[in-house]
Amino acid sequence: MDKVLPPVGRGGTPVDVFRQVGRCRVLVTNAYHLAVFALSQGIPAVGITASEYYDDNSTAWHRCSGADCAWCI
């Protein structure tokens, strides 16, 4: 079983977050920048949204990633 890492937390740097996201096989998030970090490393990202604002952000992930498909829940 893969080792589970603790959250980066407030003291973490963007590099810390980027590295931790890089350990994922898929990322499920509502945070735009986490999705960008995942997609830039070739890791699929699933966007979970609860408002029209975040629906628009999730759609932007898809357009910017060049992926053939996207899932926004």
N, C-alpha and C. Protein backbone atom coordinates (compact mmCIF):
# COMPACT_ATOMS: atom_id res chain seq x y z
N MET A 1 0.85 -1.19 0.00
CA MET A 1 0.00 0.00 0.00
C MET A 1 0.89 1.24 0.00
N ASP A 2 0.47 2.27 -0.75
CA ASP A 2 1.24 3.51 -0.81
C ASP A 2 1.23 4.22 0.53
N LYS A 3 2.32 4.89 0.80
CA LYS A 3 2.44 5.68 2.02
C LYS A 3 1.56 6.93 1.90
N VAL A 4 0.78 7.21 2.92
CA VAL A 4 -0.08 8.40 2.93
C VAL A 4 0.70 9.52 3.60
N LEU A 5 0.82 10.65 2.91
CA LEU A 5 1.55 11.79 3.44
C LEU A 5 0.59 12.76 4.10
N PRO A 6 1.06 13.45 5.15
CA PRO A 6 0.20 14.46 5.78
C PRO A 6 0.03 15.65 4.84
N PRO A 7 -1.01 16.45 5.05
CA PRO A 7 -1.20 17.64 4.23
C PRO A 7 0.01 18.57 4.35
N VAL A 8 0.28 19.33 3.31
CA VAL A 8 1.40 20.26 3.33
C VAL A 8 1.18 21.33 4.40
N GLY A 9 -0.01 21.86 4.50
CA GLY A 9 -0.31 22.88 5.52
C GLY A 9 0.13 24.28 5.11
N ARG A 10 -0.15 25.21 5.98
CA ARG A 10 0.10 26.63 5.70
C ARG A 10 1.58 26.98 5.56
N GLY A 11 2.46 26.23 6.20
CA GLY A 11 3.89 26.53 6.13
C GLY A 11 4.57 26.00 4.90
N GLY A 12 3.84 25.25 4.09
CA GLY A 12 4.42 24.65 2.90
C GLY A 12 4.63 25.66 1.79
N THR A 13 5.56 25.33 0.92
CA THR A 13 5.84 26.18 -0.25
C THR A 13 5.11 25.61 -1.47
N PRO A 14 4.99 26.40 -2.52
CA PRO A 14 4.40 25.86 -3.74
C PRO A 14 5.14 24.62 -4.25
N VAL A 15 6.46 24.58 -4.07
CA VAL A 15 7.24 23.41 -4.48
C VAL A 15 6.83 22.18 -3.67
N ASP A 16 6.58 22.36 -2.37
CA ASP A 16 6.12 21.24 -1.53
C ASP A 16 4.79 20.69 -2.06
N VAL A 17 3.87 21.60 -2.39
CA VAL A 17 2.56 21.18 -2.89
C VAL A 17 2.71 20.49 -4.24
N PHE A 18 3.52 21.07 -5.12
CA PHE A 18 3.75 20.49 -6.44
C PHE A 18 4.29 19.07 -6.32
N ARG A 19 5.26 18.86 -5.44
CA ARG A 19 5.82 17.52 -5.25
C ARG A 19 4.80 16.54 -4.70
N GLN A 20 4.00 16.99 -3.74
CA GLN A 20 3.00 16.08 -3.16
C GLN A 20 1.93 15.72 -4.18
N VAL A 21 1.50 16.69 -4.97
CA VAL A 21 0.53 16.41 -6.02
C VAL A 21 1.13 15.43 -7.03
N GLY A 22 2.42 15.53 -7.26
CA GLY A 22 3.10 14.64 -8.20
C GLY A 22 3.07 13.18 -7.80
N ARG A 23 2.76 12.88 -6.56
CA ARG A 23 2.66 11.50 -6.09
C ARG A 23 1.28 10.90 -6.37
N CYS A 24 0.34 11.70 -6.84
CA CYS A 24 -1.03 11.23 -7.09
C CYS A 24 -1.13 10.49 -8.41
N ARG A 25 -2.06 9.54 -8.46
CA ARG A 25 -2.41 8.91 -9.73
C ARG A 25 -3.54 9.67 -10.40
N VAL A 26 -4.39 10.27 -9.60
CA VAL A 26 -5.47 11.15 -10.06
C VAL A 26 -5.73 12.13 -8.92
N LEU A 27 -6.12 13.35 -9.25
CA LEU A 27 -6.40 14.36 -8.23
C LEU A 27 -7.86 14.77 -8.31
N VAL A 28 -8.55 14.74 -7.20
CA VAL A 28 -9.93 15.21 -7.09
C VAL A 28 -9.88 16.45 -6.21
N THR A 29 -10.32 17.58 -6.75
CA THR A 29 -10.17 18.83 -6.03
C THR A 29 -11.21 19.86 -6.46
N ASN A 30 -11.36 20.89 -5.65
CA ASN A 30 -12.13 22.05 -6.07
C ASN A 30 -11.21 23.26 -6.17
N ALA A 31 -9.90 23.03 -6.02
CA ALA A 31 -8.93 24.12 -6.07
C ALA A 31 -8.26 24.19 -7.45
N TYR A 32 -8.40 25.32 -8.09
CA TYR A 32 -7.87 25.52 -9.44
C TYR A 32 -6.37 25.23 -9.52
N HIS A 33 -5.59 25.81 -8.60
CA HIS A 33 -4.14 25.67 -8.69
C HIS A 33 -3.68 24.24 -8.46
N LEU A 34 -4.36 23.49 -7.62
CA LEU A 34 -4.00 22.08 -7.46
C LEU A 34 -4.23 21.33 -8.77
N ALA A 35 -5.32 21.65 -9.44
CA ALA A 35 -5.59 21.01 -10.73
C ALA A 35 -4.51 21.37 -11.74
N VAL A 36 -4.08 22.62 -11.75
CA VAL A 36 -3.01 23.05 -12.65
C VAL A 36 -1.73 22.28 -12.36
N PHE A 37 -1.38 22.15 -11.07
CA PHE A 37 -0.18 21.39 -10.68
C PHE A 37 -0.27 19.96 -11.19
N ALA A 38 -1.45 19.33 -11.03
CA ALA A 38 -1.62 17.95 -11.48
C ALA A 38 -1.54 17.84 -12.99
N LEU A 39 -2.32 18.65 -13.69
CA LEU A 39 -2.36 18.58 -15.14
C LEU A 39 -1.01 18.86 -15.77
N SER A 40 -0.22 19.75 -15.16
CA SER A 40 1.10 20.08 -15.71
C SER A 40 2.07 18.91 -15.58
N GLN A 41 1.73 17.94 -14.72
CA GLN A 41 2.57 16.75 -14.54
C GLN A 41 1.96 15.52 -15.21
N GLY A 42 0.91 15.75 -16.00
CA GLY A 42 0.27 14.64 -16.70
C GLY A 42 -0.64 13.80 -15.83
N ILE A 43 -1.05 14.34 -14.69
CA ILE A 43 -1.92 13.63 -13.75
C ILE A 43 -3.36 14.09 -14.00
N PRO A 44 -4.29 13.16 -14.23
CA PRO A 44 -5.69 13.57 -14.45
C PRO A 44 -6.25 14.29 -13.22
N ALA A 45 -7.09 15.28 -13.47
CA ALA A 45 -7.72 16.04 -12.39
C ALA A 45 -9.23 16.03 -12.57
N VAL A 46 -9.94 15.81 -11.49
CA VAL A 46 -11.40 15.85 -11.46
C VAL A 46 -11.79 17.07 -10.65
N GLY A 47 -12.59 17.94 -11.25
CA GLY A 47 -13.03 19.14 -10.56
C GLY A 47 -14.40 18.95 -9.92
N ILE A 48 -14.48 19.24 -8.63
CA ILE A 48 -15.76 19.20 -7.91
C ILE A 48 -16.17 20.64 -7.66
N THR A 49 -17.36 20.99 -8.10
CA THR A 49 -17.80 22.38 -7.98
C THR A 49 -19.14 22.48 -7.27
N ALA A 50 -19.36 23.65 -6.68
CA ALA A 50 -20.63 23.89 -5.99
C ALA A 50 -21.23 25.23 -6.38
N SER A 51 -20.65 25.88 -7.38
CA SER A 51 -21.19 27.17 -7.80
C SER A 51 -20.83 27.42 -9.26
N GLU A 52 -21.49 28.36 -9.87
CA GLU A 52 -21.23 28.70 -11.26
C GLU A 52 -19.79 29.20 -11.44
N TYR A 53 -19.29 29.95 -10.45
CA TYR A 53 -17.91 30.45 -10.51
C TYR A 53 -16.92 29.29 -10.66
N TYR A 54 -17.07 28.27 -9.82
CA TYR A 54 -16.16 27.13 -9.88
C TYR A 54 -16.44 26.24 -11.08
N ASP A 55 -17.68 26.21 -11.56
CA ASP A 55 -17.96 25.51 -12.82
C ASP A 55 -17.12 26.11 -13.94
N ASP A 56 -17.05 27.44 -13.99
CA ASP A 56 -16.27 28.14 -15.01
C ASP A 56 -14.78 27.82 -14.88
N ASN A 57 -14.27 27.80 -13.63
CA ASN A 57 -12.86 27.47 -13.41
C ASN A 57 -12.56 26.05 -13.88
N SER A 58 -13.44 25.12 -13.56
CA SER A 58 -13.21 23.73 -13.95
C SER A 58 -13.23 23.57 -15.46
N THR A 59 -14.09 24.31 -16.13
CA THR A 59 -14.13 24.29 -17.58
C THR A 59 -12.81 24.83 -18.14
N ALA A 60 -12.26 25.85 -17.49
CA ALA A 60 -10.99 26.43 -17.92
C ALA A 60 -9.85 25.42 -17.78
N TRP A 61 -9.89 24.57 -16.73
CA TRP A 61 -8.84 23.53 -16.59
C TRP A 61 -8.81 22.69 -17.83
N HIS A 62 -10.01 22.29 -18.26
CA HIS A 62 -10.11 21.40 -19.43
C HIS A 62 -9.54 22.07 -20.66
N ARG A 63 -9.93 23.30 -20.90
CA ARG A 63 -9.46 24.01 -22.09
C ARG A 63 -7.95 24.18 -22.08
N CYS A 64 -7.39 24.53 -20.92
CA CYS A 64 -5.96 24.80 -20.81
C CYS A 64 -5.12 23.51 -20.83
N SER A 65 -5.69 22.40 -20.42
CA SER A 65 -4.91 21.17 -20.31
C SER A 65 -4.72 20.48 -21.65
N GLY A 66 -5.59 20.79 -22.61
CA GLY A 66 -5.52 20.12 -23.90
C GLY A 66 -6.02 18.67 -23.83
N ALA A 67 -6.68 18.32 -22.74
CA ALA A 67 -7.17 16.94 -22.58
C ALA A 67 -8.33 16.69 -23.53
N ASP A 68 -8.51 15.42 -23.88
CA ASP A 68 -9.62 15.05 -24.74
C ASP A 68 -10.96 15.04 -24.00
N CYS A 69 -10.91 14.91 -22.68
CA CYS A 69 -12.15 14.89 -21.92
C CYS A 69 -11.89 15.49 -20.54
N ALA A 70 -12.95 15.85 -19.87
CA ALA A 70 -12.84 16.41 -18.52
C ALA A 70 -14.08 16.01 -17.73
N TRP A 71 -13.90 15.83 -16.47
CA TRP A 71 -15.00 15.51 -15.56
C TRP A 71 -15.14 16.61 -14.55
N CYS A 72 -16.28 17.23 -14.51
CA CYS A 72 -16.58 18.24 -13.50
C CYS A 72 -17.87 17.83 -12.83
N ILE A 73 -17.79 17.64 -11.53
CA ILE A 73 -18.93 17.17 -10.77
C ILE A 73 -19.50 18.31 -9.95
